[in-house]
């Protein structure tokens, strides 16, 4: 059985990925905007870390969305990363 807090962390993590990909940002790009590390961001995206309301607000500001949008359950993402192919 999945705990409520774990599923909420996963929903938020999936939404971080969703909005990051929508903005065409890598984890490194977003981490820089949030003044954090890609490793910390990865833990958030994978539901491995708790997140505070203040950090949800910070994410929303960077994504230019309302904070509640990070709590909406969305269909699973097929691709969770940006592929950088150099020609």
Protein backbone atom coordinates (compact mmCIF):
# COMPACT_ATOMS: atom_id res chain seq x y z
CA UNK A 1 0.00 0.00 0.00
CA UNK A 2 1.30 3.44 -0.95
CA UNK A 3 1.16 6.05 1.77
CA UNK A 4 -0.70 9.28 1.12
CA UNK A 5 2.42 11.40 1.57
CA UNK A 6 4.35 9.22 -0.87
CA UNK A 7 1.68 9.52 -3.56
CA UNK A 8 1.52 13.30 -3.08
CA UNK A 9 5.31 13.49 -3.39
CA UNK A 10 5.06 11.49 -6.62
CA UNK A 11 2.33 13.73 -8.01
CA UNK A 12 4.40 16.83 -7.26
CA UNK A 13 7.51 15.17 -8.70
CA UNK A 14 5.68 14.23 -11.89
CA UNK A 15 4.42 17.80 -12.20
CA UNK A 16 7.92 19.21 -11.76
CA UNK A 17 8.99 17.00 -14.68
CA UNK A 18 5.89 17.98 -16.68
CA UNK A 19 6.44 21.72 -16.33
CA UNK A 20 10.22 21.40 -16.76
CA UNK A 21 9.78 19.55 -20.05
CA UNK A 22 7.07 21.97 -21.15
CA UNK A 23 9.60 24.78 -20.66
CA UNK A 24 12.23 22.68 -22.51
CA UNK A 25 14.60 22.81 -19.52
CA UNK A 26 17.04 20.16 -18.40
CA UNK A 27 17.37 19.34 -14.71
CA UNK A 28 20.55 21.42 -14.73
CA UNK A 29 18.71 24.44 -16.18
CA UNK A 30 15.92 24.25 -13.61
CA UNK A 31 18.31 23.58 -10.74
CA UNK A 32 20.20 26.74 -11.64
CA UNK A 33 16.99 28.80 -11.66
CA UNK A 34 16.03 27.33 -8.27
CA UNK A 35 19.55 27.86 -6.89
CA UNK A 36 19.86 24.18 -6.00
CA UNK A 37 21.59 21.09 -7.36
CA UNK A 38 20.43 18.72 -10.09
CA UNK A 39 20.76 15.88 -7.56
CA UNK A 40 18.27 17.54 -5.17
CA UNK A 41 15.92 18.27 -8.06
CA UNK A 42 16.14 14.64 -9.17
CA UNK A 43 15.15 13.50 -5.68
CA UNK A 44 12.11 15.80 -5.79
CA UNK A 45 11.13 14.60 -9.26
CA UNK A 46 11.36 10.97 -8.16
CA UNK A 47 9.32 11.51 -4.97
CA UNK A 48 12.27 10.68 -2.72
CA UNK A 49 12.25 13.95 -0.75
CA UNK A 50 9.60 15.84 1.14
CA UNK A 51 8.82 19.29 -0.20
CA UNK A 52 7.72 22.34 1.75
CA UNK A 53 4.91 24.70 0.86
CA UNK A 54 7.52 27.44 0.45
CA UNK A 55 9.40 25.35 -2.11
CA UNK A 56 6.16 24.61 -4.00
CA UNK A 57 5.63 28.37 -4.17
CA UNK A 58 9.21 28.86 -5.41
CA UNK A 59 8.71 26.23 -8.12
CA UNK A 60 5.42 27.82 -9.17
CA UNK A 61 7.09 31.21 -9.48
CA UNK A 62 9.88 29.79 -11.67
CA UNK A 63 7.34 27.93 -13.85
CA UNK A 64 5.01 30.98 -13.88
CA UNK A 65 2.05 28.91 -12.71
CA UNK A 66 -0.23 28.83 -9.69
CA UNK A 67 1.05 26.56 -6.89
CA UNK A 68 -2.05 24.32 -6.99
CA UNK A 69 -1.06 23.23 -10.51
CA UNK A 70 1.78 21.23 -8.98
CA UNK A 71 -0.81 19.15 -7.08
CA UNK A 72 -2.93 18.08 -10.07
CA UNK A 73 -2.65 14.41 -10.96
CA UNK A 74 -1.83 14.10 -14.66
CA UNK A 75 -1.48 11.13 -17.03
CA UNK A 76 1.94 9.46 -16.80
CA UNK A 77 4.71 10.98 -18.88
CA UNK A 78 6.21 8.79 -21.59
CA UNK A 79 9.50 10.67 -21.55
CA UNK A 80 10.90 12.19 -18.36
CA UNK A 81 13.96 13.82 -19.90
CA UNK A 82 15.08 16.11 -22.65
CA UNK A 83 17.23 14.40 -25.22
CA UNK A 84 20.05 16.63 -26.35
CA UNK A 85 21.23 15.41 -29.72
CA UNK A 86 24.01 17.47 -31.21
CA UNK A 87 24.45 17.43 -34.96
